[in-house]
Amino acid sequence: MPRYRPHVAARPSWRCRVCGAAWPCSPARLALLGEYRENRTNLLIYLGTLMHEAMTDLAVLHGQDAPDGMAERFLTWARAR
């Protein structure tokens, strides 16, 4: 039986180490929603902190501003509905 590997970001690219998608990928989002199911506010604070780090890393990596859509990538999906 295959062992579960957590979908975590590879820095400074902010791509998933397991599937290669832009992080947080779908499996990472599901895991984060489960982990923070009782405290959505803390999830958003955590993701906001990671978004800031990703914006800094990606700006340095690409020699320009961070890519557009960072809020959607890191925060919008995690808001309470």
N, C-alpha and C. Protein backbone atom coordinates (compact mmCIF):
# COMPACT_ATOMS: atom_id res chain seq x y z
N MET A 1 0.85 -1.18 0.00
CA MET A 1 0.00 0.00 0.00
C MET A 1 0.89 1.25 0.00
N PRO A 2 0.61 2.21 -0.90
CA PRO A 2 1.44 3.42 -0.94
C PRO A 2 1.29 4.26 0.33
N ARG A 3 2.39 4.85 0.72
CA ARG A 3 2.39 5.69 1.90
C ARG A 3 1.97 7.10 1.51
N TYR A 4 1.17 7.77 2.36
CA TYR A 4 0.73 9.13 2.09
C TYR A 4 1.90 10.09 2.22
N ARG A 5 2.05 10.95 1.24
CA ARG A 5 3.07 12.00 1.28
C ARG A 5 2.35 13.34 1.33
N PRO A 6 2.62 14.15 2.32
CA PRO A 6 1.92 15.44 2.42
C PRO A 6 2.30 16.36 1.25
N HIS A 7 1.33 17.08 0.78
CA HIS A 7 1.52 18.03 -0.31
C HIS A 7 1.98 19.35 0.29
N VAL A 8 3.28 19.57 0.26
CA VAL A 8 3.88 20.78 0.84
C VAL A 8 4.60 21.56 -0.26
N ALA A 9 4.83 22.83 0.02
CA ALA A 9 5.45 23.72 -0.97
C ALA A 9 6.96 23.52 -1.02
N ALA A 10 7.48 23.56 -2.23
CA ALA A 10 8.92 23.59 -2.45
C ALA A 10 9.29 25.06 -2.67
N ARG A 11 10.15 25.56 -1.83
CA ARG A 11 10.54 26.96 -1.95
C ARG A 11 11.86 27.05 -2.70
N PRO A 12 12.06 28.04 -3.51
CA PRO A 12 11.31 29.29 -3.65
C PRO A 12 10.25 29.26 -4.75
N SER A 13 10.02 28.12 -5.40
CA SER A 13 9.09 28.08 -6.53
C SER A 13 7.62 28.05 -6.09
N TRP A 14 7.37 27.61 -4.89
CA TRP A 14 6.01 27.47 -4.37
C TRP A 14 5.18 26.54 -5.24
N ARG A 15 5.82 25.45 -5.68
CA ARG A 15 5.15 24.36 -6.36
C ARG A 15 5.08 23.20 -5.37
N CYS A 16 4.07 22.35 -5.51
CA CYS A 16 3.92 21.22 -4.61
C CYS A 16 5.05 20.21 -4.83
N ARG A 17 5.63 19.73 -3.74
CA ARG A 17 6.71 18.74 -3.82
C ARG A 17 6.22 17.39 -4.33
N VAL A 18 4.93 17.11 -4.19
CA VAL A 18 4.39 15.80 -4.59
C VAL A 18 3.83 15.83 -6.01
N CYS A 19 2.95 16.78 -6.30
CA CYS A 19 2.26 16.77 -7.59
C CYS A 19 2.75 17.84 -8.56
N GLY A 20 3.53 18.80 -8.11
CA GLY A 20 4.08 19.83 -8.97
C GLY A 20 3.15 20.99 -9.29
N ALA A 21 1.93 20.96 -8.78
CA ALA A 21 0.98 22.05 -9.03
C ALA A 21 1.34 23.26 -8.18
N ALA A 22 0.81 24.41 -8.57
CA ALA A 22 1.00 25.62 -7.76
C ALA A 22 0.44 25.35 -6.37
N TRP A 23 1.26 25.65 -5.36
CA TRP A 23 0.84 25.39 -3.98
C TRP A 23 0.11 26.60 -3.43
N PRO A 24 -0.97 26.42 -2.68
CA PRO A 24 -1.53 25.15 -2.22
C PRO A 24 -2.35 24.45 -3.30
N CYS A 25 -1.96 23.23 -3.60
CA CYS A 25 -2.66 22.41 -4.58
C CYS A 25 -3.95 21.88 -3.94
N SER A 26 -4.76 21.21 -4.72
CA SER A 26 -6.04 20.71 -4.20
C SER A 26 -5.88 19.79 -2.99
N PRO A 27 -4.97 18.81 -3.02
CA PRO A 27 -4.81 17.97 -1.83
C PRO A 27 -4.34 18.76 -0.61
N ALA A 28 -3.48 19.76 -0.81
CA ALA A 28 -3.03 20.59 0.31
C ALA A 28 -4.19 21.40 0.87
N ARG A 29 -5.03 21.92 0.00
CA ARG A 29 -6.20 22.69 0.45
C ARG A 29 -7.13 21.82 1.29
N LEU A 30 -7.38 20.62 0.82
CA LEU A 30 -8.25 19.71 1.58
C LEU A 30 -7.65 19.39 2.95
N ALA A 31 -6.37 19.14 2.98
CA ALA A 31 -5.70 18.83 4.25
C ALA A 31 -5.75 20.03 5.19
N LEU A 32 -5.52 21.24 4.65
CA LEU A 32 -5.56 22.44 5.49
C LEU A 32 -6.96 22.71 6.02
N LEU A 33 -7.97 22.52 5.18
CA LEU A 33 -9.35 22.71 5.64
C LEU A 33 -9.68 21.72 6.76
N GLY A 34 -9.22 20.51 6.64
CA GLY A 34 -9.45 19.53 7.70
C GLY A 34 -8.71 19.88 8.97
N GLU A 35 -7.47 20.29 8.83
CA GLU A 35 -6.65 20.63 10.00
C GLU A 35 -7.20 21.85 10.75
N TYR A 36 -7.74 22.81 10.01
CA TYR A 36 -8.22 24.04 10.62
C TYR A 36 -9.75 24.12 10.64
N ARG A 37 -10.43 22.99 10.57
CA ARG A 37 -11.89 23.00 10.47
C ARG A 37 -12.57 23.72 11.62
N GLU A 38 -11.94 23.76 12.76
CA GLU A 38 -12.53 24.42 13.94
C GLU A 38 -12.12 25.88 14.06
N ASN A 39 -11.20 26.35 13.21
CA ASN A 39 -10.74 27.73 13.35
C ASN A 39 -10.30 28.29 12.00
N ARG A 40 -11.28 28.72 11.23
CA ARG A 40 -11.03 29.25 9.89
C ARG A 40 -10.19 30.53 9.96
N THR A 41 -10.37 31.32 11.01
CA THR A 41 -9.59 32.56 11.15
C THR A 41 -8.10 32.25 11.22
N ASN A 42 -7.72 31.26 12.00
CA ASN A 42 -6.30 30.90 12.10
C ASN A 42 -5.78 30.38 10.76
N LEU A 43 -6.61 29.67 10.01
CA LEU A 43 -6.21 29.21 8.69
C LEU A 43 -5.90 30.40 7.79
N LEU A 44 -6.76 31.41 7.80
CA LEU A 44 -6.54 32.57 6.95
C LEU A 44 -5.30 33.36 7.37
N ILE A 45 -5.05 33.45 8.66
CA ILE A 45 -3.83 34.11 9.14
C ILE A 45 -2.60 33.33 8.66
N TYR A 46 -2.63 32.02 8.81
CA TYR A 46 -1.53 31.17 8.37
C TYR A 46 -1.29 31.32 6.87
N LEU A 47 -2.37 31.26 6.09
CA LEU A 47 -2.24 31.37 4.64
C LEU A 47 -1.78 32.76 4.23
N GLY A 48 -2.22 33.79 4.94
CA GLY A 48 -1.77 35.15 4.64
C GLY A 48 -0.27 35.29 4.86
N THR A 49 0.22 34.68 5.92
CA THR A 49 1.66 34.70 6.20
C THR A 49 2.43 33.98 5.09
N LEU A 50 1.93 32.82 4.68
CA LEU A 50 2.59 32.07 3.61
C LEU A 50 2.51 32.81 2.28
N MET A 51 1.38 33.49 2.03
CA MET A 51 1.25 34.26 0.81
C MET A 51 2.31 35.36 0.75
N HIS A 52 2.53 36.03 1.86
CA HIS A 52 3.55 37.08 1.91
C HIS A 52 4.93 36.50 1.61
N GLU A 53 5.24 35.35 2.22
CA GLU A 53 6.52 34.69 1.96
C GLU A 53 6.65 34.28 0.50
N ALA A 54 5.55 33.75 -0.06
CA ALA A 54 5.57 33.32 -1.47
C ALA A 54 5.76 34.52 -2.39
N MET A 55 5.10 35.63 -2.09
CA MET A 55 5.24 36.82 -2.93
C MET A 55 6.68 37.31 -2.93
N THR A 56 7.31 37.27 -1.77
CA THR A 56 8.71 37.68 -1.66
C THR A 56 9.61 36.73 -2.44
N ASP A 57 9.44 35.43 -2.23
CA ASP A 57 10.26 34.42 -2.93
C ASP A 57 10.09 34.52 -4.44
N LEU A 58 8.84 34.62 -4.90
CA LEU A 58 8.58 34.63 -6.33
C LEU A 58 9.07 35.91 -6.99
N ALA A 59 8.99 37.03 -6.28
CA ALA A 59 9.51 38.28 -6.82
C ALA A 59 11.02 38.20 -7.02
N VAL A 60 11.71 37.62 -6.05
CA VAL A 60 13.17 37.45 -6.18
C VAL A 60 13.48 36.44 -7.28
N LEU A 61 12.76 35.35 -7.31
CA LEU A 61 13.01 34.29 -8.29
C LEU A 61 12.82 34.78 -9.72
N HIS A 62 11.79 35.59 -9.93
CA HIS A 62 11.47 36.05 -11.28
C HIS A 62 11.99 37.45 -11.58
N GLY A 63 12.61 38.10 -10.59
CA GLY A 63 13.18 39.42 -10.80
C GLY A 63 12.15 40.49 -11.08
N GLN A 64 10.96 40.33 -10.54
CA GLN A 64 9.88 41.28 -10.75
C GLN A 64 8.86 41.13 -9.63
N ASP A 65 7.74 41.80 -9.77
CA ASP A 65 6.68 41.65 -8.78
C ASP A 65 6.17 40.21 -8.79
N ALA A 66 5.55 39.84 -7.69
CA ALA A 66 4.96 38.50 -7.60
C ALA A 66 3.85 38.37 -8.64
N PRO A 67 3.55 37.16 -9.07
CA PRO A 67 2.49 36.95 -10.07
C PRO A 67 1.14 37.44 -9.57
N ASP A 68 0.27 37.80 -10.51
CA ASP A 68 -1.10 38.16 -10.17
C ASP A 68 -1.83 36.93 -9.64
N GLY A 69 -2.90 37.17 -8.93
CA GLY A 69 -3.74 36.08 -8.46
C GLY A 69 -3.29 35.43 -7.17
N MET A 70 -2.38 36.04 -6.45
CA MET A 70 -1.88 35.42 -5.22
C MET A 70 -2.98 35.33 -4.15
N ALA A 71 -3.83 36.33 -4.06
CA ALA A 71 -4.91 36.28 -3.06
C ALA A 71 -5.87 35.13 -3.36
N GLU A 72 -6.21 34.94 -4.63
CA GLU A 72 -7.09 33.83 -4.99
C GLU A 72 -6.41 32.50 -4.71
N ARG A 73 -5.15 32.43 -5.03
CA ARG A 73 -4.39 31.19 -4.84
C ARG A 73 -4.27 30.82 -3.36
N PHE A 74 -4.04 31.81 -2.50
CA PHE A 74 -3.77 31.52 -1.10
C PHE A 74 -4.96 31.74 -0.16
N LEU A 75 -5.86 32.67 -0.47
CA LEU A 75 -6.85 33.06 0.54
C LEU A 75 -8.30 32.83 0.15
N THR A 76 -8.68 33.21 -1.06
CA THR A 76 -10.09 33.22 -1.42
C THR A 76 -10.77 31.88 -1.21
N TRP A 77 -10.13 30.82 -1.59
CA TRP A 77 -10.73 29.49 -1.47
C TRP A 77 -11.00 29.09 -0.03
N ALA A 78 -10.27 29.69 0.93
CA ALA A 78 -10.36 29.26 2.33
C ALA A 78 -11.37 30.05 3.14
N ARG A 79 -11.96 31.07 2.54
CA ARG A 79 -12.95 31.86 3.28
C ARG A 79 -14.17 31.01 3.59
N ALA A 80 -14.80 31.30 4.72
CA ALA A 80 -16.04 30.61 5.09
C ALA A 80 -17.12 30.96 4.08
N ARG A 81 -17.95 30.00 3.77
CA ARG A 81 -19.04 30.23 2.80
C ARG A 81 -20.37 30.17 3.48
